Amino acid sequence: MPTISRLRLGLLLAGLPASSLLPACSAAPVEGGDESDAADSQAIIGGVDAKSDALGAIGSLGVAVEAASEETGALDVQYRPFCSGALIGKSTVLTAKHCVDAARKMAAGGRVYFGVGFDGTHPDRTVDIVELGRAPGHEGGSVGFGRDVGVVHLDEEITDIEPAAMADLSDADIDTRFAAIGYGVQDNKKTFGTRKAGSVTLRAREGKVFELIFGSFEAFKQWATTRDRSELLAHLSAETEEEGNEGEAACDIDCLLRKYDEAILLAGYEALVGAGEGDAQPCHGDSGGPLVRIEGGRLRVYGVASGVISTNQLACDYGAVYATLGPEVLAFAKKASTWSDPCGDTKIDGVCEGRTAKRCTALDEGPRRVTKTDCSLLDQACGQDGTGAVACVDPGN
């Protein structure tokens, strides 16, 4: 019996509980990694370019790594977006919880950043991500992350872009249209990395996801067991099996029933959008991307992209699940939007204060804090290393 195709997040999230819905994130390979470590990178399908300055608060989450140029062989910095997010404070970006977890792992292979601008692979500006936060409520949810909302905090304030406002949804919003925006996959050729926007319809705020999509278990079973599978879906299924998830490919009727019954919208904290007439389709890499409207001249966020499924037609299809800003999550996000950097003006690269090297810790060095190294204890002076970061160096160098 064919698998319920799971578009994977790659080895960056290996070991997390399997789900019929998969996080809509795309994973960039870490430095030195093999191509097999990378997820299928994808953006909003059927959308349009979103270049307006009014959308400046919406940017990409990425990892900056040194890689050899294909033309010259020289090392160059490459920017690899893996999620999307929206600025909600001068130094706070709202995204998905699973993107926060991915950022933590990405930090081992390069500097993770928030990228400002239309092109996530060539951002106008990057600001280092230095602290992470996860919304309360980690159980349940359609993709297994509970309330799949998180924040990342930045090494410096962004003062020339107005942060987005935030709001919760209500049942009165059902059947109304919103804009989905992100940097993910845009087609079955896996084009991704630029900011796209598309309209989507809010379909439901509670209920069984597959029942909402297909209408009945019989219709869901027919979809899940069809032999009419495209080359793309067969390829994705083969990748799933290579990862050791053979159980997915052998899903019997009892297995399908469990998937049908267990994929339930987290009432008040998740919503199903899209798959309606004229709707665009969020996809991988759009994870954390906001569900928005502009109201009263200001960008307002109602949720972040969380999960998608695959069909034999599209890499992502039948709409998407968004994690929404229910009361406790909204309170968390509003508090996070006022985050103050405990390092003040001290940056990761640091400064010299006499013979003392003063710097702030990076994301992969634990809690954000200032460190001071007295270079005189080593009979050295404070200076800079080859990357421009503060260091203890031999006097005269």
Protein backbone atom coordinates (compact mmCIF):
# COMPACT_ATOMS: atom_id res chain seq x y z
CA MET A 1 0.00 0.00 0.00
CA PRO A 2 1.49 3.38 -0.94
CA THR A 3 2.65 5.65 1.78
CA ILE A 4 0.90 8.78 2.95
CA SER A 5 3.70 10.88 1.55
CA ARG A 6 5.65 12.81 4.17
CA LEU A 7 7.76 15.65 2.84
CA ARG A 8 10.67 15.41 5.22
CA LEU A 9 12.39 18.12 7.20
CA GLY A 10 15.63 16.22 6.78
CA LEU A 11 18.11 14.96 9.33
CA LEU A 12 18.10 18.27 11.17
CA LEU A 13 14.94 17.11 12.94
CA ALA A 14 15.69 13.41 12.95
CA GLY A 15 14.25 11.58 15.93
CA LEU A 16 11.22 13.81 16.37
CA PRO A 17 7.85 12.03 16.48
CA ALA A 18 6.50 11.14 13.04
CA SER A 19 3.30 12.80 11.89
CA SER A 20 1.00 12.49 8.90
CA LEU A 21 1.38 16.23 8.50
CA LEU A 22 4.93 17.45 8.09
CA PRO A 23 6.36 20.79 9.23
CA ALA A 24 6.39 23.18 6.31
CA CYS A 25 10.03 24.04 6.90
CA SER A 26 12.91 23.46 4.50
CA ALA A 27 16.31 22.61 5.86
CA ALA A 28 19.55 23.96 4.43
CA PRO A 29 22.52 21.60 4.71
CA VAL A 30 25.06 22.46 7.38
CA GLU A 31 28.65 23.17 6.44
CA GLY A 32 30.40 20.01 5.41
CA GLY A 33 27.10 18.12 5.20
CA ASP A 34 26.05 15.76 2.47
CA GLU A 35 23.21 16.61 0.10
CA SER A 36 21.22 13.82 1.70
CA ASP A 37 21.10 15.93 4.87
CA ALA A 38 19.07 18.61 3.11
CA ALA A 39 15.29 18.69 3.02
CA ASP A 40 13.28 19.34 -0.11
CA SER A 41 13.34 23.10 -0.24
CA GLN A 42 10.02 24.64 -1.38
CA ALA A 43 7.70 28.30 -1.25
CA ILE A 44 4.12 29.43 -1.77
CA ILE A 45 2.80 27.71 -4.89
CA GLY A 46 0.61 29.80 -7.15
CA GLY A 47 1.50 33.08 -5.44
CA VAL A 48 3.06 36.26 -6.74
CA ASP A 49 6.23 38.19 -5.96
CA ALA A 50 5.93 40.22 -2.75
CA LYS A 51 8.36 43.10 -3.16
CA SER A 52 6.38 45.89 -1.50
CA ASP A 53 8.10 47.92 1.22
CA ALA A 54 4.90 47.48 3.22
CA LEU A 55 5.99 43.84 3.68
CA GLY A 56 9.48 44.70 4.91
CA ALA A 57 8.81 43.15 8.32
CA ILE A 58 8.52 39.72 6.69
CA GLY A 59 11.90 38.11 6.16
CA SER A 60 13.74 34.81 5.99
CA LEU A 61 15.46 32.70 8.62
CA GLY A 62 18.66 31.27 7.23
CA VAL A 63 22.14 30.00 7.88
CA ALA A 64 25.27 31.69 6.50
CA VAL A 65 28.02 29.22 5.63
CA GLU A 66 31.35 29.42 3.89
CA ALA A 67 31.33 27.41 0.69
CA ALA A 68 33.62 27.16 -2.31
CA SER A 69 32.56 29.13 -5.37
CA GLU A 70 31.69 26.89 -8.33
CA GLU A 71 33.42 29.36 -10.65
CA THR A 72 36.61 30.25 -8.76
CA GLY A 73 36.88 27.72 -5.96
CA ALA A 74 37.39 30.55 -3.49
CA LEU A 75 35.50 30.46 -0.21
CA ASP A 76 32.46 32.67 -0.19
CA VAL A 77 29.58 33.24 2.24
CA GLN A 78 26.34 31.68 1.04
CA TYR A 79 22.95 32.51 2.51
CA ARG A 80 20.58 29.57 2.77
CA PRO A 81 17.03 30.31 3.96
CA PHE A 82 15.21 27.50 5.73
CA CYS A 83 12.15 29.21 7.25
CA SER A 84 10.19 32.45 7.18
CA GLY A 85 9.24 34.93 9.90
CA ALA A 86 7.85 38.36 10.72
CA LEU A 87 9.40 41.14 12.78
CA ILE A 88 7.11 41.85 15.78
CA GLY A 89 9.54 43.97 17.83
CA LYS A 90 12.73 45.85 17.12
CA SER A 91 14.76 42.72 17.81
CA THR A 92 12.13 39.94 17.84
CA VAL A 93 10.88 37.79 14.96
CA LEU A 94 7.77 35.59 15.13
CA THR A 95 8.11 32.19 13.47
CA ALA A 96 7.20 28.52 13.98
CA LYS A 97 8.40 26.55 17.00
CA HIS A 98 9.88 23.89 14.73
CA CYS A 99 11.85 26.63 12.96
CA VAL A 100 13.26 27.68 16.34
CA ASP A 101 14.36 24.08 16.92
CA ALA A 102 15.90 23.97 13.44
CA ALA A 103 17.77 27.24 14.09
CA ARG A 104 19.32 25.79 17.23
CA LYS A 105 20.70 22.86 15.23
CA MET A 106 21.71 25.03 12.28
CA ALA A 107 23.92 27.10 14.61
CA ALA A 108 26.39 24.21 14.72
CA GLY A 109 27.15 24.69 11.02
CA GLY A 110 27.12 28.45 10.57
CA ARG A 111 25.69 31.73 11.79
CA VAL A 112 21.91 31.78 11.73
CA TYR A 113 20.31 35.04 10.78
CA PHE A 114 17.16 36.96 9.99
CA GLY A 115 17.34 38.14 6.40
CA VAL A 116 15.71 41.40 5.37
CA GLY A 117 14.57 41.79 1.78
CA PHE A 118 12.78 40.10 -1.10
CA ASP A 119 15.51 37.56 -1.99
CA GLY A 120 16.35 35.25 0.91
CA THR A 121 19.42 33.88 -0.88
CA HIS A 122 20.81 37.40 -1.38
CA PRO A 123 19.31 39.37 1.52
CA ASP A 124 19.58 43.14 1.66
CA ARG A 125 20.70 42.81 5.26
CA THR A 126 21.27 40.03 7.78
CA VAL A 127 21.08 40.24 11.56
CA ASP A 128 22.41 37.41 13.72
CA ILE A 129 19.91 35.35 15.69
CA VAL A 130 21.19 35.16 19.25
CA GLU A 131 18.34 33.90 21.43
CA LEU A 132 15.33 31.62 20.97
CA GLY A 133 11.90 31.29 22.55
CA ARG A 134 9.14 28.65 22.31
CA ALA A 135 5.48 29.31 23.04
CA PRO A 136 3.99 27.43 25.99
CA GLY A 137 2.14 24.20 25.21
CA HIS A 138 4.24 21.48 23.61
CA GLU A 139 1.76 18.60 23.44
CA GLY A 140 -0.59 17.66 20.62
CA GLY A 141 -1.10 19.70 17.50
CA SER A 142 -1.22 18.56 13.90
CA VAL A 143 2.57 18.34 13.46
CA GLY A 144 3.44 17.23 16.98
CA PHE A 145 4.81 20.51 18.35
CA GLY A 146 1.76 21.56 20.35
CA ARG A 147 1.33 25.30 19.84
CA ASP A 148 3.78 25.60 16.98
CA VAL A 149 4.80 29.23 17.55
CA GLY A 150 8.23 30.52 18.50
CA VAL A 151 10.39 33.62 18.40
CA VAL A 152 13.99 34.42 17.60
CA HIS A 153 15.81 37.43 19.02
CA LEU A 154 18.37 39.46 17.10
CA ASP A 155 21.86 40.74 17.85
CA GLU A 156 20.83 44.31 17.03
CA GLU A 157 17.63 46.29 16.73
CA ILE A 158 16.00 46.91 13.37
CA THR A 159 14.76 50.46 13.64
CA ASP A 160 13.90 51.35 10.04
CA ILE A 161 11.11 48.77 9.60
CA GLU A 162 7.81 48.95 11.46
CA PRO A 163 7.13 45.67 13.28
CA ALA A 164 3.92 43.84 12.51
CA ALA A 165 1.00 43.91 14.93
CA MET A 166 -0.56 40.63 16.13
CA ALA A 167 -4.10 39.39 16.69
CA ASP A 168 -6.09 36.22 17.33
CA LEU A 169 -8.63 34.74 14.94
CA SER A 170 -12.29 34.15 15.71
CA ASP A 171 -15.00 31.98 14.17
CA ALA A 172 -16.26 35.09 12.42
CA ASP A 173 -13.10 34.93 10.28
CA ILE A 174 -13.98 31.51 8.83
CA ASP A 175 -14.51 31.64 5.05
CA THR A 176 -12.71 34.97 4.83
CA ARG A 177 -9.46 35.58 2.96
CA PHE A 178 -5.99 36.27 4.28
CA ALA A 179 -2.56 36.57 2.69
CA ALA A 180 0.02 33.82 3.21
CA ILE A 181 3.60 35.04 2.77
CA GLY A 182 6.88 33.14 2.81
CA TYR A 183 10.14 32.18 1.13
CA GLY A 184 9.40 28.50 0.51
CA VAL A 185 8.87 26.25 -2.51
CA GLN A 186 7.06 27.79 -5.46
CA ASP A 187 6.67 24.84 -7.85
CA ASN A 188 7.44 21.15 -8.36
CA LYS A 189 10.91 22.11 -9.61
CA LYS A 190 11.72 23.19 -6.05
CA THR A 191 12.28 26.84 -6.89
CA PHE A 192 12.49 28.72 -3.59
CA GLY A 193 14.11 31.57 -1.70
CA THR A 194 12.20 34.69 -2.78
CA ARG A 195 9.27 36.23 -0.92
CA LYS A 196 5.92 35.20 -2.35
CA ALA A 197 2.39 36.12 -1.33
CA GLY A 198 -0.88 34.37 -2.08
CA SER A 199 -4.46 34.59 -0.88
CA VAL A 200 -5.85 31.73 1.19
CA THR A 201 -9.27 31.10 2.72
CA LEU A 202 -9.63 30.33 6.43
CA ARG A 203 -11.55 27.04 6.43
CA ALA A 204 -11.69 25.81 10.03
CA ARG A 205 -10.38 26.39 13.55
CA GLU A 206 -11.14 22.96 14.95
CA GLY A 207 -11.78 19.39 13.83
CA LYS A 208 -9.94 16.46 12.25
CA VAL A 209 -7.59 17.73 9.57
CA PHE A 210 -8.12 14.91 7.07
CA GLU A 211 -11.86 14.94 7.61
CA LEU A 212 -11.89 18.67 6.89
CA ILE A 213 -9.82 18.11 3.75
CA PHE A 214 -11.41 14.95 2.33
CA GLY A 215 -14.86 14.92 3.91
CA SER A 216 -14.83 11.29 5.06
CA PHE A 217 -12.51 8.45 5.99
CA GLU A 218 -13.43 6.59 2.80
CA ALA A 219 -12.32 9.52 0.67
CA PHE A 220 -9.14 9.85 2.72
CA LYS A 221 -8.42 6.11 2.34
CA GLN A 222 -8.96 6.31 -1.40
CA TRP A 223 -6.45 9.14 -1.64
CA ALA A 224 -3.93 7.45 0.65
CA THR A 225 -4.02 4.13 -1.20
CA THR A 226 -4.18 5.29 -4.80
CA ARG A 227 -1.71 3.72 -7.23
CA ASP A 228 -1.83 6.75 -9.51
CA ARG A 229 1.36 8.32 -8.22
CA SER A 230 3.56 10.77 -10.07
CA GLU A 231 7.33 10.48 -10.44
CA LEU A 232 7.71 13.26 -7.83
CA LEU A 233 5.64 11.43 -5.21
CA ALA A 234 7.43 8.15 -5.91
CA HIS A 235 10.76 9.91 -5.43
CA LEU A 236 9.64 11.42 -2.13
CA SER A 237 8.34 8.06 -0.93
CA ALA A 238 11.67 6.45 -1.81
CA GLU A 239 13.47 9.10 0.26
CA THR A 240 11.16 8.39 3.19
CA GLU A 241 11.97 4.69 2.97
CA GLU A 242 15.71 5.46 2.80
CA GLU A 243 15.37 7.28 6.11
CA GLY A 244 14.24 4.07 7.76
CA ASN A 245 10.53 4.92 7.87
CA GLU A 246 9.43 1.75 6.07
CA GLY A 247 6.41 1.63 8.40
CA GLU A 248 4.97 4.63 6.60
CA ALA A 249 4.95 2.72 3.31
CA ALA A 250 3.23 -0.25 4.93
CA CYS A 251 0.39 1.73 6.53
CA ASP A 252 -2.63 -0.61 6.75
CA ILE A 253 -6.27 0.30 7.42
CA ASP A 254 -5.76 0.49 11.20
CA CYS A 255 -2.76 2.75 10.60
CA LEU A 256 -4.81 4.98 8.30
CA LEU A 257 -7.57 5.19 10.89
CA ARG A 258 -5.07 6.32 13.52
CA LYS A 259 -3.72 8.99 11.23
CA TYR A 260 -7.23 10.13 10.37
CA ASP A 261 -8.28 10.29 14.02
CA GLU A 262 -5.07 11.71 15.50
CA ALA A 263 -4.42 14.65 13.16
CA ILE A 264 -6.68 17.13 14.99
CA LEU A 265 -6.51 20.91 14.94
CA LEU A 266 -5.53 22.25 18.33
CA ALA A 267 -8.71 24.18 19.11
CA GLY A 268 -8.01 27.88 19.52
CA TYR A 269 -4.37 27.48 18.45
CA GLU A 270 -4.46 26.02 14.93
CA ALA A 271 -6.39 26.66 11.74
CA LEU A 272 -6.75 25.05 8.34
CA VAL A 273 -6.38 27.43 5.39
CA GLY A 274 -6.37 27.19 1.62
CA ALA A 275 -7.50 24.61 -0.94
CA GLY A 276 -10.37 26.88 -1.95
CA GLU A 277 -11.16 28.54 -5.25
CA GLY A 278 -8.35 30.94 -6.14
CA ASP A 279 -6.22 29.94 -3.14
CA ALA A 280 -2.44 29.74 -3.28
CA GLN A 281 -0.61 26.82 -1.62
CA PRO A 282 1.94 27.29 1.20
CA CYS A 283 4.81 24.81 1.12
CA HIS A 284 8.19 23.90 2.64
CA GLY A 285 10.30 26.91 3.56
CA ASP A 286 7.13 28.87 4.28
CA SER A 287 7.21 27.50 7.84
CA GLY A 288 6.94 30.39 10.26
CA GLY A 289 5.69 32.64 7.46
CA PRO A 290 2.81 34.82 8.62
CA LEU A 291 -0.89 34.72 7.85
CA VAL A 292 -1.61 38.43 7.45
CA ARG A 293 -3.77 41.33 6.42
CA ILE A 294 -2.97 45.03 6.28
CA GLU A 295 -5.51 46.83 8.44
CA GLY A 296 -5.51 50.53 9.15
CA GLY A 297 -2.29 50.81 7.19
CA ARG A 298 -0.43 48.33 9.41
CA LEU A 299 0.59 44.73 8.78
CA ARG A 300 -1.22 42.41 11.21
CA VAL A 301 -0.22 38.76 11.83
CA TYR A 302 -2.80 36.10 12.76
CA GLY A 303 -0.67 32.95 12.68
CA VAL A 304 2.39 31.21 11.26
CA ALA A 305 2.68 28.37 8.72
CA SER A 306 3.05 25.03 10.45
CA GLY A 307 2.21 21.89 8.43
CA VAL A 308 1.42 20.58 4.93
CA ILE A 309 0.74 17.29 3.15
CA SER A 310 1.64 15.96 -0.29
CA THR A 311 -0.36 14.54 -3.19
CA ASN A 312 0.52 12.99 -6.52
CA GLN A 313 0.05 16.40 -8.14
CA LEU A 314 1.96 18.86 -5.97
CA ALA A 315 4.78 18.73 -3.46
CA CYS A 316 2.33 20.45 -1.10
CA ASP A 317 -1.43 20.36 -1.60
CA TYR A 318 -4.87 20.64 0.02
CA GLY A 319 -4.02 23.80 1.93
CA ALA A 320 -1.98 24.11 5.13
CA VAL A 321 -2.24 24.16 8.89
CA TYR A 322 -1.29 27.45 10.56
CA ALA A 323 -0.45 27.81 14.23
CA THR A 324 -2.58 30.73 15.43
CA LEU A 325 -2.22 33.25 18.21
CA GLY A 326 -4.63 32.01 20.86
CA PRO A 327 -4.68 33.85 24.22
CA GLU A 328 -1.64 32.22 25.85
CA VAL A 329 0.45 32.31 22.68
CA LEU A 330 -0.48 35.93 22.01
CA ALA A 331 0.55 36.86 25.56
CA PHE A 332 3.85 35.02 25.05
CA ALA A 333 4.51 36.76 21.72
CA LYS A 334 3.66 40.23 23.03
CA LYS A 335 6.02 39.79 25.96
CA ALA A 336 8.73 38.47 23.62
CA SER A 337 8.30 41.49 21.34
CA THR A 338 9.70 43.74 24.09
CA TRP A 339 12.84 41.60 24.61
CA SER A 340 15.88 43.53 25.76
CA ASP A 341 19.32 42.15 24.94
CA PRO A 342 21.16 41.31 28.18
CA CYS A 343 24.40 42.10 26.34
CA GLY A 344 23.34 45.67 25.61
CA ASP A 345 25.57 47.10 22.87
CA THR A 346 28.15 44.32 23.12
CA LYS A 347 28.12 42.19 19.98
CA ILE A 348 29.23 38.65 19.22
CA ASP A 349 32.46 39.84 17.57
CA GLY A 350 33.20 41.91 20.67
CA VAL A 351 35.45 44.85 21.52
CA CYS A 352 38.72 45.45 23.35
CA GLU A 353 38.66 47.27 26.65
CA GLY A 354 42.33 47.75 27.32
CA ARG A 355 43.80 44.24 27.45
CA THR A 356 40.39 42.66 28.07
CA ALA A 357 38.47 40.97 25.25
CA LYS A 358 34.79 41.68 25.85
CA ARG A 359 32.15 39.92 23.76
CA CYS A 360 28.65 38.46 23.87
CA THR A 361 27.96 34.78 23.40
CA ALA A 362 26.56 33.38 20.14
CA LEU A 363 23.50 31.16 19.80
CA ASP A 364 25.47 27.91 20.10
CA GLU A 365 27.22 29.08 23.31
CA GLY A 366 24.28 28.80 25.66
CA PRO A 367 22.32 31.59 27.35
CA ARG A 368 22.97 35.08 26.05
CA ARG A 369 25.59 36.76 28.27
CA VAL A 370 28.70 38.97 28.25
CA THR A 371 32.11 37.33 28.68
CA LYS A 372 35.37 39.13 29.54
CA THR A 373 38.76 37.54 28.92
CA ASP A 374 41.77 39.23 30.55
CA CYS A 375 44.47 38.74 27.92
CA SER A 376 47.16 40.03 30.32
CA LEU A 377 46.86 36.75 32.22
CA LEU A 378 48.35 35.11 29.12
CA ASP A 379 50.89 37.90 28.61
CA GLN A 380 48.97 38.88 25.49
CA ALA A 381 47.14 41.93 24.17
CA CYS A 382 43.55 42.27 23.02
CA GLY A 383 43.14 42.37 19.26
CA GLN A 384 41.25 40.72 16.41
CA ASP A 385 41.49 37.33 14.78
CA GLY A 386 41.30 36.68 11.05
CA THR A 387 37.51 36.99 11.01
CA GLY A 388 37.43 40.35 12.76
CA ALA A 389 36.31 38.88 16.07
CA VAL A 390 37.92 40.02 19.30
CA ALA A 391 40.79 37.77 20.51
CA CYS A 392 43.89 37.59 22.65
CA VAL A 393 46.93 38.09 20.39
CA ASP A 394 50.66 38.36 20.80
CA PRO A 395 51.77 41.94 21.56
CA GLY A 396 52.59 43.85 18.38
CA ASN A 397 50.39 41.71 16.17
